[in-house]
Amino acid sequence: MSAEQHWDSAYSGKGVNERSWSESGDSDALIEFEFAQLGSDAAVIDVGGGASTFAKLLQIRGYKNLAVLDVSQVALREAKESFGNRAAEVEWIVSNILNWEPTRSYAYWNDRAVFHFLTKSEDQQKYVEKVSQATEAGSHIVIATFSPEGPESCSGLPVQRWTQEALASLFSDTCSLLRSGKRDHITPWGSTQSFSWVHLIRN
């Protein structure tokens, strides 16, 4: 089964409250976005955004240059429906991140939980290259993955768990670390998933 088929099935086969990655309330990604202090015209991409509330909340706050990328067209269809008539104001990109060819530069890159599914070193390096292609000096890159204390798999797929230090080191050729930390995600049924995250700035 391809990644596209897997995630289409994961979204179509489960309701919002049956998905471990669903957020309750505001997206936790907003904290780092607010720290970046970007203007309302800044280009923002939510990588693996799926049906997350992140982009919708930014739109409500007046941000006008938003893009959401996800491998699942089912997830993006669900997201579009939640935006209603304003969905047309967002750039929707159906693509596997490894195959995507950026056509512009983004001031803010948000990845809440895609990178930890890349368990092969060559795929991780491809991802690093995509970040470089899609950002420029001064761009903010925020990436969150399962921490060493987090789950070993998600949605039936293996993951690679990362420390903050290892994540920052992987991007150190082109990015500097602004800050990092750990946070807990609470699933809809109340279990806890531990995440590492880094907030990088492009050199």
N, C-alpha and C. Protein backbone atom coordinates (compact mmCIF):
# COMPACT_ATOMS: atom_id res chain seq x y z
N MET A 1 0.85 -1.19 0.00
CA MET A 1 0.00 0.00 0.00
C MET A 1 0.88 1.25 0.00
N SER A 2 0.58 2.18 -0.88
CA SER A 2 1.35 3.42 -0.95
C SER A 2 1.01 4.31 0.24
N ALA A 3 1.85 5.34 0.47
CA ALA A 3 1.58 6.30 1.54
C ALA A 3 0.25 7.00 1.30
N GLU A 4 -0.02 7.32 0.02
CA GLU A 4 -1.29 7.98 -0.32
C GLU A 4 -2.48 7.12 0.07
N GLN A 5 -2.41 5.84 -0.29
CA GLN A 5 -3.52 4.92 0.02
C GLN A 5 -3.67 4.73 1.53
N HIS A 6 -2.53 4.61 2.21
CA HIS A 6 -2.58 4.41 3.66
C HIS A 6 -3.30 5.55 4.36
N TRP A 7 -2.90 6.78 4.03
CA TRP A 7 -3.47 7.92 4.75
C TRP A 7 -4.87 8.28 4.28
N ASP A 8 -5.19 8.02 3.02
CA ASP A 8 -6.59 8.16 2.59
C ASP A 8 -7.48 7.23 3.40
N SER A 9 -7.01 5.99 3.59
CA SER A 9 -7.77 5.01 4.36
C SER A 9 -7.86 5.41 5.83
N ALA A 10 -6.76 5.94 6.37
CA ALA A 10 -6.74 6.34 7.78
C ALA A 10 -7.74 7.46 8.06
N TYR A 11 -7.86 8.39 7.11
CA TYR A 11 -8.79 9.51 7.30
C TYR A 11 -10.23 9.12 7.01
N SER A 12 -10.43 8.33 5.96
CA SER A 12 -11.80 7.99 5.59
C SER A 12 -12.40 6.93 6.52
N GLY A 13 -11.53 6.12 7.15
CA GLY A 13 -12.02 5.03 7.99
C GLY A 13 -12.24 5.39 9.44
N LYS A 14 -11.80 6.59 9.85
CA LYS A 14 -11.93 6.99 11.25
C LYS A 14 -12.47 8.41 11.36
N GLY A 15 -13.30 8.62 12.35
CA GLY A 15 -13.77 9.97 12.63
C GLY A 15 -12.70 10.76 13.36
N VAL A 16 -12.92 12.05 13.51
CA VAL A 16 -11.93 12.93 14.14
C VAL A 16 -11.52 12.42 15.51
N ASN A 17 -12.46 12.00 16.33
CA ASN A 17 -12.16 11.59 17.69
C ASN A 17 -11.61 10.16 17.78
N GLU A 18 -11.45 9.51 16.64
CA GLU A 18 -10.86 8.17 16.61
C GLU A 18 -9.42 8.18 16.11
N ARG A 19 -8.91 9.35 15.77
CA ARG A 19 -7.55 9.48 15.26
C ARG A 19 -6.63 9.97 16.38
N SER A 20 -5.56 9.26 16.59
CA SER A 20 -4.66 9.63 17.69
C SER A 20 -4.05 11.01 17.52
N TRP A 21 -3.92 11.48 16.28
CA TRP A 21 -3.26 12.75 16.02
C TRP A 21 -4.20 13.96 16.08
N SER A 22 -5.47 13.74 16.28
CA SER A 22 -6.41 14.86 16.35
C SER A 22 -6.12 15.73 17.56
N GLU A 23 -6.28 17.04 17.38
CA GLU A 23 -6.06 18.01 18.45
C GLU A 23 -7.39 18.42 19.06
N SER A 24 -7.37 18.67 20.34
CA SER A 24 -8.55 19.23 20.99
C SER A 24 -8.27 20.70 21.25
N GLY A 25 -9.15 21.56 20.84
CA GLY A 25 -8.93 22.98 21.00
C GLY A 25 -7.94 23.52 19.98
N ASP A 26 -7.29 24.61 20.32
CA ASP A 26 -6.35 25.25 19.40
C ASP A 26 -5.13 24.38 19.16
N SER A 27 -4.58 24.46 17.94
CA SER A 27 -3.38 23.71 17.60
C SER A 27 -2.21 24.13 18.48
N ASP A 28 -1.44 23.14 18.98
CA ASP A 28 -0.27 23.49 19.79
C ASP A 28 0.82 24.14 18.95
N ALA A 29 0.72 24.06 17.63
CA ALA A 29 1.70 24.69 16.75
C ALA A 29 1.61 26.22 16.80
N LEU A 30 0.51 26.75 17.31
CA LEU A 30 0.34 28.21 17.37
C LEU A 30 1.37 28.88 18.28
N ILE A 31 1.85 28.17 19.28
CA ILE A 31 2.78 28.76 20.24
C ILE A 31 4.06 29.21 19.53
N GLU A 32 4.61 28.32 18.71
CA GLU A 32 5.84 28.67 18.00
C GLU A 32 5.60 29.69 16.90
N PHE A 33 4.43 29.62 16.27
CA PHE A 33 4.12 30.60 15.24
C PHE A 33 4.07 32.01 15.85
N GLU A 34 3.45 32.13 16.98
CA GLU A 34 3.37 33.43 17.64
C GLU A 34 4.75 33.94 18.02
N PHE A 35 5.64 33.04 18.39
CA PHE A 35 7.01 33.42 18.75
C PHE A 35 7.74 34.04 17.55
N ALA A 36 7.42 33.58 16.34
CA ALA A 36 8.09 34.08 15.13
C ALA A 36 7.72 35.53 14.81
N GLN A 37 6.55 35.97 15.24
CA GLN A 37 6.09 37.36 15.06
C GLN A 37 6.13 37.77 13.57
N LEU A 38 5.46 37.02 12.74
CA LEU A 38 5.41 37.31 11.30
C LEU A 38 4.19 38.14 10.96
N GLY A 39 4.32 38.97 9.93
CA GLY A 39 3.21 39.77 9.46
C GLY A 39 2.15 38.94 8.76
N SER A 40 0.99 39.52 8.55
CA SER A 40 -0.16 38.79 8.02
C SER A 40 0.02 38.38 6.55
N ASP A 41 1.01 38.96 5.87
CA ASP A 41 1.25 38.59 4.48
C ASP A 41 2.34 37.55 4.32
N ALA A 42 2.90 37.05 5.42
CA ALA A 42 3.97 36.05 5.37
C ALA A 42 3.45 34.74 4.78
N ALA A 43 4.25 34.13 3.91
CA ALA A 43 3.88 32.84 3.32
C ALA A 43 4.15 31.71 4.31
N VAL A 44 3.10 30.96 4.63
CA VAL A 44 3.17 29.90 5.63
C VAL A 44 2.75 28.58 4.99
N ILE A 45 3.53 27.51 5.24
CA ILE A 45 3.13 26.20 4.76
C ILE A 45 3.03 25.24 5.94
N ASP A 46 1.93 24.50 5.98
CA ASP A 46 1.69 23.48 7.00
C ASP A 46 1.91 22.12 6.33
N VAL A 47 3.06 21.52 6.60
CA VAL A 47 3.45 20.27 5.95
C VAL A 47 2.82 19.09 6.68
N GLY A 48 2.08 18.27 5.94
CA GLY A 48 1.33 17.20 6.58
C GLY A 48 0.17 17.74 7.39
N GLY A 49 -0.34 18.88 6.94
CA GLY A 49 -1.38 19.57 7.70
C GLY A 49 -2.66 18.79 7.83
N GLY A 50 -2.98 17.97 6.82
CA GLY A 50 -4.18 17.17 6.90
C GLY A 50 -5.39 17.98 7.31
N ALA A 51 -6.11 17.47 8.30
CA ALA A 51 -7.31 18.17 8.78
C ALA A 51 -7.02 18.97 10.05
N SER A 52 -5.73 19.33 10.26
CA SER A 52 -5.35 20.12 11.43
C SER A 52 -6.05 21.47 11.43
N THR A 53 -6.17 22.04 12.63
CA THR A 53 -6.80 23.36 12.76
C THR A 53 -5.80 24.51 12.59
N PHE A 54 -4.53 24.21 12.42
CA PHE A 54 -3.49 25.25 12.41
C PHE A 54 -3.76 26.32 11.36
N ALA A 55 -3.89 25.92 10.10
CA ALA A 55 -4.08 26.91 9.03
C ALA A 55 -5.40 27.66 9.19
N LYS A 56 -6.43 26.97 9.62
CA LYS A 56 -7.72 27.63 9.79
C LYS A 56 -7.64 28.72 10.85
N LEU A 57 -6.94 28.43 11.93
CA LEU A 57 -6.79 29.42 13.00
C LEU A 57 -5.96 30.61 12.53
N LEU A 58 -4.96 30.35 11.69
CA LEU A 58 -4.17 31.46 11.14
C LEU A 58 -5.03 32.34 10.23
N GLN A 59 -5.87 31.69 9.44
CA GLN A 59 -6.75 32.46 8.55
C GLN A 59 -7.70 33.33 9.36
N ILE A 60 -8.24 32.80 10.43
CA ILE A 60 -9.13 33.56 11.30
C ILE A 60 -8.41 34.78 11.88
N ARG A 61 -7.09 34.62 12.11
CA ARG A 61 -6.30 35.71 12.68
C ARG A 61 -5.82 36.70 11.62
N GLY A 62 -6.21 36.48 10.37
CA GLY A 62 -5.92 37.46 9.33
C GLY A 62 -4.76 37.13 8.42
N TYR A 63 -4.18 35.94 8.56
CA TYR A 63 -3.08 35.56 7.66
C TYR A 63 -3.64 35.13 6.32
N LYS A 64 -3.04 35.66 5.26
CA LYS A 64 -3.65 35.55 3.93
C LYS A 64 -2.88 34.68 2.94
N ASN A 65 -1.67 34.27 3.31
CA ASN A 65 -0.80 33.58 2.36
C ASN A 65 -0.48 32.18 2.89
N LEU A 66 -1.48 31.32 2.90
CA LEU A 66 -1.38 30.01 3.54
C LEU A 66 -1.38 28.87 2.53
N ALA A 67 -0.59 27.84 2.85
CA ALA A 67 -0.56 26.63 2.05
C ALA A 67 -0.61 25.43 2.99
N VAL A 68 -1.34 24.39 2.58
CA VAL A 68 -1.41 23.15 3.35
C VAL A 68 -1.04 22.01 2.41
N LEU A 69 -0.02 21.24 2.80
CA LEU A 69 0.42 20.09 2.02
C LEU A 69 0.12 18.81 2.78
N ASP A 70 -0.43 17.83 2.06
CA ASP A 70 -0.65 16.52 2.67
C ASP A 70 -0.68 15.46 1.58
N VAL A 71 -0.26 14.27 1.94
CA VAL A 71 -0.25 13.17 0.98
C VAL A 71 -1.66 12.65 0.73
N SER A 72 -2.59 12.95 1.63
CA SER A 72 -3.95 12.43 1.54
C SER A 72 -4.93 13.45 1.00
N GLN A 73 -5.52 13.15 -0.15
CA GLN A 73 -6.55 14.03 -0.69
C GLN A 73 -7.81 13.97 0.17
N VAL A 74 -8.05 12.85 0.84
CA VAL A 74 -9.20 12.74 1.72
C VAL A 74 -9.06 13.71 2.90
N ALA A 75 -7.85 13.79 3.47
CA ALA A 75 -7.61 14.71 4.58
C ALA A 75 -7.81 16.15 4.15
N LEU A 76 -7.29 16.49 2.98
CA LEU A 76 -7.42 17.87 2.51
C LEU A 76 -8.86 18.21 2.15
N ARG A 77 -9.59 17.26 1.66
CA ARG A 77 -11.01 17.49 1.37
C ARG A 77 -11.76 17.82 2.67
N GLU A 78 -11.44 17.09 3.72
CA GLU A 78 -12.07 17.34 5.02
C GLU A 78 -11.69 18.74 5.53
N ALA A 79 -10.41 19.10 5.34
CA ALA A 79 -9.96 20.42 5.78
C ALA A 79 -10.67 21.52 5.00
N LYS A 80 -10.78 21.35 3.69
CA LYS A 80 -11.44 22.36 2.86
C LYS A 80 -12.88 22.60 3.32
N GLU A 81 -13.56 21.52 3.64
CA GLU A 81 -14.95 21.64 4.09
C GLU A 81 -15.04 22.46 5.36
N SER A 82 -14.04 22.33 6.24
CA SER A 82 -14.07 23.08 7.49
C SER A 82 -13.84 24.58 7.26
N PHE A 83 -13.18 24.93 6.14
CA PHE A 83 -12.93 26.33 5.81
C PHE A 83 -14.15 26.98 5.15
N GLY A 84 -15.04 26.17 4.61
CA GLY A 84 -16.21 26.73 3.95
C GLY A 84 -15.84 27.54 2.72
N ASN A 85 -16.48 28.68 2.55
CA ASN A 85 -16.24 29.52 1.37
C ASN A 85 -14.82 30.07 1.29
N ARG A 86 -14.11 30.10 2.40
CA ARG A 86 -12.76 30.67 2.42
C ARG A 86 -11.68 29.65 2.03
N ALA A 87 -12.08 28.43 1.72
CA ALA A 87 -11.10 27.41 1.31
C ALA A 87 -10.34 27.82 0.07
N ALA A 88 -10.99 28.58 -0.81
CA ALA A 88 -10.36 29.00 -2.06
C ALA A 88 -9.20 29.96 -1.83
N GLU A 89 -9.11 30.53 -0.63
CA GLU A 89 -8.04 31.46 -0.31
C GLU A 89 -6.75 30.75 0.11
N VAL A 90 -6.81 29.43 0.26
CA VAL A 90 -5.67 28.63 0.71
C VAL A 90 -5.12 27.82 -0.46
N GLU A 91 -3.80 27.66 -0.51
CA GLU A 91 -3.18 26.79 -1.51
C GLU A 91 -3.17 25.37 -0.95
N TRP A 92 -3.86 24.46 -1.62
CA TRP A 92 -3.95 23.07 -1.19
C TRP A 92 -3.04 22.22 -2.07
N ILE A 93 -2.11 21.50 -1.46
CA ILE A 93 -1.12 20.73 -2.21
C ILE A 93 -1.22 19.26 -1.82
N VAL A 94 -1.66 18.43 -2.76
CA VAL A 94 -1.72 16.98 -2.52
C VAL A 94 -0.42 16.38 -3.05
N SER A 95 0.45 15.97 -2.13
CA SER A 95 1.74 15.44 -2.55
C SER A 95 2.43 14.73 -1.40
N ASN A 96 3.20 13.71 -1.72
CA ASN A 96 4.16 13.15 -0.79
C ASN A 96 5.29 14.18 -0.66
N ILE A 97 5.68 14.53 0.53
CA ILE A 97 6.68 15.57 0.73
C ILE A 97 7.97 15.26 -0.03
N LEU A 98 8.32 13.99 -0.18
CA LEU A 98 9.57 13.61 -0.84
C LEU A 98 9.51 13.84 -2.35
N ASN A 99 8.32 13.86 -2.91
CA ASN A 99 8.16 14.05 -4.36
C ASN A 99 7.79 15.47 -4.73
N TRP A 100 7.49 16.28 -3.76
CA TRP A 100 7.02 17.64 -3.99
C TRP A 100 8.14 18.52 -4.53
N GLU A 101 7.80 19.37 -5.49
CA GLU A 101 8.75 20.35 -6.03
C GLU A 101 8.24 21.75 -5.70
N PRO A 102 8.82 22.40 -4.70
CA PRO A 102 8.36 23.75 -4.31
C PRO A 102 8.47 24.73 -5.46
N THR A 103 7.48 25.59 -5.60
CA THR A 103 7.50 26.61 -6.66
C THR A 103 7.69 28.01 -6.10
N ARG A 104 7.76 28.13 -4.78
CA ARG A 104 8.00 29.43 -4.17
C ARG A 104 8.63 29.22 -2.80
N SER A 105 8.97 30.32 -2.15
CA SER A 105 9.62 30.26 -0.85
C SER A 105 8.63 30.63 0.25
N TYR A 106 8.78 29.99 1.39
CA TYR A 106 7.89 30.22 2.52
C TYR A 106 8.67 30.81 3.70
N ALA A 107 8.03 31.74 4.38
CA ALA A 107 8.65 32.36 5.55
C ALA A 107 8.51 31.50 6.80
N TYR A 108 7.56 30.56 6.76
CA TYR A 108 7.32 29.71 7.92
C TYR A 108 6.94 28.31 7.45
N TRP A 109 7.68 27.32 7.96
CA TRP A 109 7.46 25.90 7.64
C TRP A 109 7.03 25.22 8.92
N ASN A 110 5.85 24.64 8.94
CA ASN A 110 5.35 23.94 10.11
C ASN A 110 5.14 22.46 9.79
N ASP A 111 5.76 21.60 10.57
CA ASP A 111 5.58 20.15 10.43
C ASP A 111 5.35 19.58 11.81
N ARG A 112 4.10 19.24 12.08
CA ARG A 112 3.73 18.77 13.41
C ARG A 112 4.03 17.28 13.61
N ALA A 113 4.02 16.47 12.56
CA ALA A 113 4.23 15.03 12.77
C ALA A 113 4.41 14.25 11.47
N VAL A 114 5.13 14.82 10.50
CA VAL A 114 5.43 14.09 9.27
C VAL A 114 6.82 13.47 9.33
N PHE A 115 7.78 14.25 9.79
CA PHE A 115 9.18 13.84 9.67
C PHE A 115 9.47 12.51 10.35
N HIS A 116 8.80 12.20 11.46
CA HIS A 116 9.15 10.96 12.16
C HIS A 116 8.72 9.70 11.39
N PHE A 117 7.92 9.86 10.34
CA PHE A 117 7.58 8.69 9.51
C PHE A 117 8.69 8.36 8.50
N LEU A 118 9.66 9.24 8.36
CA LEU A 118 10.77 8.99 7.44
C LEU A 118 11.87 8.26 8.21
N THR A 119 11.90 6.95 8.07
CA THR A 119 12.82 6.13 8.86
C THR A 119 14.10 5.78 8.12
N LYS A 120 14.18 6.08 6.83
CA LYS A 120 15.39 5.82 6.05
C LYS A 120 16.22 7.10 5.97
N SER A 121 17.53 6.96 6.12
CA SER A 121 18.39 8.14 6.13
C SER A 121 18.32 8.90 4.81
N GLU A 122 18.18 8.18 3.68
CA GLU A 122 18.10 8.87 2.40
C GLU A 122 16.82 9.70 2.28
N ASP A 123 15.74 9.23 2.87
CA ASP A 123 14.49 10.00 2.86
C ASP A 123 14.60 11.21 3.79
N GLN A 124 15.27 11.04 4.90
CA GLN A 124 15.49 12.17 5.81
C GLN A 124 16.31 13.27 5.14
N GLN A 125 17.31 12.87 4.37
CA GLN A 125 18.13 13.86 3.65
C GLN A 125 17.32 14.54 2.54
N LYS A 126 16.44 13.79 1.89
CA LYS A 126 15.56 14.40 0.88
C LYS A 126 14.68 15.47 1.52
N TYR A 127 14.19 15.16 2.71
CA TYR A 127 13.35 16.12 3.43
C TYR A 127 14.14 17.38 3.74
N VAL A 128 15.36 17.22 4.22
CA VAL A 128 16.22 18.37 4.51
C VAL A 128 16.39 19.23 3.25
N GLU A 129 16.56 18.57 2.11
CA GLU A 129 16.71 19.30 0.85
C GLU A 129 15.43 20.04 0.48
N LYS A 130 14.27 19.44 0.74
CA LYS A 130 13.00 20.11 0.45
C LYS A 130 12.85 21.37 1.30
N VAL A 131 13.27 21.28 2.56
CA VAL A 131 13.22 22.46 3.43
C VAL A 131 14.08 23.58 2.84
N SER A 132 15.26 23.22 2.38
CA SER A 132 16.16 24.22 1.80
C SER A 132 15.57 24.84 0.54
N GLN A 133 14.91 24.01 -0.29
CA GLN A 133 14.33 24.50 -1.53
C GLN A 133 13.15 25.43 -1.28
N ALA A 134 12.42 25.19 -0.20
CA ALA A 134 11.16 25.90 0.02
C ALA A 134 11.28 27.07 1.00
N THR A 135 12.49 27.34 1.48
CA THR A 135 12.68 28.44 2.42
C THR A 135 13.89 29.28 1.98
N GLU A 136 14.11 30.37 2.68
CA GLU A 136 15.24 31.24 2.38
C GLU A 136 15.79 31.80 3.68
N ALA A 137 16.89 32.55 3.59
CA ALA A 137 17.50 33.11 4.80
C ALA A 137 16.47 33.88 5.60
N GLY A 138 16.38 33.57 6.88
CA GLY A 138 15.41 34.22 7.76
C GLY A 138 14.11 33.47 7.93
N SER A 139 13.87 32.44 7.13
CA SER A 139 12.64 31.64 7.27
C SER A 139 12.68 30.84 8.57
N HIS A 140 11.50 30.65 9.15
CA HIS A 140 11.36 29.85 10.36
C HIS A 140 10.94 28.44 9.98
N ILE A 141 11.57 27.44 10.59
CA ILE A 141 11.23 26.04 10.36
C ILE A 141 10.95 25.39 11.71
N VAL A 142 9.74 24.91 11.90
CA VAL A 142 9.35 24.24 13.14
C VAL A 142 8.97 22.81 12.83
N ILE A 143 9.66 21.87 13.47
CA ILE A 143 9.45 20.45 13.22
C ILE A 143 9.25 19.74 14.55
N ALA A 144 8.19 18.93 14.63
CA ALA A 144 7.91 18.14 15.83
C ALA A 144 7.85 16.66 15.45
N THR A 145 8.46 15.83 16.30
CA THR A 145 8.46 14.38 16.08
C THR A 145 8.21 13.70 17.43
N PHE A 146 7.93 12.42 17.38
CA PHE A 146 7.89 11.67 18.63
C PHE A 146 9.27 11.72 19.29
N SER A 147 9.29 11.92 20.59
CA SER A 147 10.54 11.93 21.35
C SER A 147 10.95 10.48 21.65
N PRO A 148 12.14 10.27 22.23
CA PRO A 148 12.54 8.91 22.61
C PRO A 148 11.57 8.23 23.56
N GLU A 149 10.77 9.02 24.27
CA GLU A 149 9.77 8.44 25.18
C GLU A 149 8.41 8.27 24.49
N GLY A 150 8.31 8.67 23.24
CA GLY A 150 7.04 8.59 22.51
C GLY A 150 6.79 7.22 21.91
N PRO A 151 5.68 7.07 21.20
CA PRO A 151 5.34 5.79 20.59
C PRO A 151 6.36 5.35 19.54
N GLU A 152 6.44 4.05 19.32
CA GLU A 152 7.33 3.49 18.30
C GLU A 152 6.64 3.37 16.95
N SER A 153 5.34 3.62 16.93
CA SER A 153 4.59 3.56 15.68
C SER A 153 3.38 4.47 15.79
N CYS A 154 2.79 4.78 14.62
CA CYS A 154 1.58 5.59 14.58
C CYS A 154 0.77 5.17 13.37
N SER A 155 -0.52 4.98 13.55
CA SER A 155 -1.41 4.57 12.47
C SER A 155 -0.89 3.31 11.77
N GLY A 156 -0.27 2.42 12.52
CA GLY A 156 0.21 1.17 11.96
C GLY A 156 1.54 1.27 11.23
N LEU A 157 2.18 2.44 11.27
CA LEU A 157 3.45 2.65 10.58
C LEU A 157 4.57 2.87 11.59
N PRO A 158 5.77 2.34 11.32
CA PRO A 158 6.90 2.59 12.21
C PRO A 158 7.35 4.05 12.12
N VAL A 159 7.91 4.56 13.18
CA VAL A 159 8.44 5.93 13.20
C VAL A 159 9.87 5.90 13.72
N GLN A 160 10.60 6.98 13.48
CA GLN A 160 11.88 7.19 14.12
C GLN A 160 11.72 8.29 15.15
N ARG A 161 12.06 7.98 16.38
CA ARG A 161 11.94 8.95 17.46
C ARG A 161 13.23 9.77 17.54
N TRP A 162 13.08 11.06 17.87
CA TRP A 162 14.22 11.98 17.82
C TRP A 162 14.36 12.74 19.13
N THR A 163 15.61 13.02 19.50
CA THR A 163 15.88 13.99 20.54
C THR A 163 15.91 15.37 19.89
N GLN A 164 15.78 16.40 20.70
CA GLN A 164 15.88 17.77 20.18
C GLN A 164 17.25 18.01 19.55
N GLU A 165 18.29 17.51 20.21
CA GLU A 165 19.65 17.72 19.75
C GLU A 165 19.90 17.06 18.39
N ALA A 166 19.41 15.84 18.21
CA ALA A 166 19.61 15.13 16.95
C ALA A 166 18.86 15.80 15.81
N LEU A 167 17.66 16.28 16.10
CA LEU A 167 16.88 16.98 15.08
C LEU A 167 17.60 18.25 14.62
N ALA A 168 18.05 19.03 15.58
CA ALA A 168 18.74 20.28 15.24
C ALA A 168 20.02 20.00 14.46
N SER A 169 20.73 18.94 14.84
CA SER A 169 22.00 18.60 14.18
C SER A 169 21.78 18.22 12.73
N LEU A 170 20.69 17.56 12.43
CA LEU A 170 20.41 17.12 11.06
C LEU A 170 20.29 18.31 10.11
N PHE A 171 19.80 19.43 10.61
CA PHE A 171 19.58 20.61 9.78
C PHE A 171 20.68 21.67 9.95
N SER A 172 21.73 21.32 10.66
CA SER A 172 22.71 22.33 11.08
C SER A 172 23.51 22.94 9.93
N ASP A 173 23.56 22.29 8.78
CA ASP A 173 24.31 22.86 7.65
C ASP A 173 23.64 24.13 7.10
N THR A 174 22.33 24.21 7.23
CA THR A 174 21.60 25.34 6.64
C THR A 174 20.77 26.13 7.65
N CYS A 175 20.65 25.62 8.86
CA CYS A 175 19.77 26.26 9.85
C CYS A 175 20.45 26.39 11.21
N SER A 176 20.03 27.39 11.95
CA SER A 176 20.46 27.56 13.33
C SER A 176 19.28 27.33 14.26
N LEU A 177 19.57 26.82 15.44
CA LEU A 177 18.51 26.54 16.41
C LEU A 177 18.14 27.80 17.18
N LEU A 178 16.85 28.15 17.15
CA LEU A 178 16.36 29.26 17.97
C LEU A 178 15.98 28.77 19.36
N ARG A 179 15.20 27.71 19.40
CA ARG A 179 14.82 27.10 20.66
C ARG A 179 14.23 25.73 20.40
N SER A 180 14.10 24.94 21.45
CA SER A 180 13.58 23.58 21.29
C SER A 180 12.94 23.16 22.61
N GLY A 181 12.29 22.01 22.59
CA GLY A 181 11.67 21.53 23.81
C GLY A 181 10.94 20.21 23.60
N LYS A 182 10.20 19.84 24.62
CA LYS A 182 9.35 18.65 24.55
C LYS A 182 7.94 19.06 24.94
N ARG A 183 6.98 18.40 24.36
CA ARG A 183 5.59 18.65 24.75
C ARG A 183 4.81 17.35 24.66
N ASP A 184 3.73 17.30 25.38
CA ASP A 184 2.86 16.12 25.37
C ASP A 184 1.62 16.41 24.55
N HIS A 185 1.29 15.47 23.69
CA HIS A 185 0.02 15.52 22.96
C HIS A 185 -0.94 14.55 23.64
N ILE A 186 -2.12 15.01 23.93
CA ILE A 186 -3.15 14.16 24.53
C ILE A 186 -4.10 13.69 23.43
N THR A 187 -4.20 12.39 23.24
CA THR A 187 -5.07 11.84 22.22
C THR A 187 -6.54 12.04 22.63
N PRO A 188 -7.46 11.88 21.67
CA PRO A 188 -8.89 12.05 22.01
C PRO A 188 -9.37 11.11 23.10
N TRP A 189 -8.69 9.98 23.33
CA TRP A 189 -9.12 9.06 24.38
C TRP A 189 -8.27 9.19 25.64
N GLY A 190 -7.44 10.25 25.71
CA GLY A 190 -6.78 10.59 26.96
C GLY A 190 -5.39 10.05 27.19
N SER A 191 -4.82 9.32 26.25
CA SER A 191 -3.44 8.86 26.42
C SER A 191 -2.47 9.97 26.02
N THR A 192 -1.22 9.85 26.47
CA THR A 192 -0.22 10.89 26.27
C THR A 192 0.86 10.43 25.30
N GLN A 193 1.21 11.30 24.35
CA GLN A 193 2.29 11.04 23.41
C GLN A 193 3.34 12.14 23.58
N SER A 194 4.58 11.73 23.79
CA SER A 194 5.66 12.69 24.02
C SER A 194 6.33 13.09 22.71
N PHE A 195 6.45 14.41 22.48
CA PHE A 195 7.06 14.95 21.27
C PHE A 195 8.31 15.76 21.61
N SER A 196 9.30 15.68 20.71
CA SER A 196 10.41 16.63 20.68
C SER A 196 10.12 17.64 19.58
N TRP A 197 10.54 18.89 19.77
CA TRP A 197 10.35 19.87 18.70
C TRP A 197 11.54 20.83 18.66
N VAL A 198 11.78 21.36 17.46
CA VAL A 198 12.83 22.36 17.28
C VAL A 198 12.26 23.52 16.48
N HIS A 199 12.73 24.70 16.79
CA HIS A 199 12.38 25.91 16.04
C HIS A 199 13.69 26.43 15.47
N LEU A 200 13.82 26.31 14.15
CA LEU A 200 15.05 26.65 13.45
C LEU A 200 14.88 27.93 12.64
N ILE A 201 15.99 28.56 12.32
CA ILE A 201 15.97 29.72 11.42
C ILE A 201 16.97 29.43 10.30
N ARG A 202 16.54 29.68 9.06
CA ARG A 202 17.43 29.46 7.91
C ARG A 202 18.56 30.47 7.93
N ASN A 203 19.77 29.96 7.70
CA ASN A 203 20.95 30.82 7.62
C ASN A 203 21.01 31.53 6.27
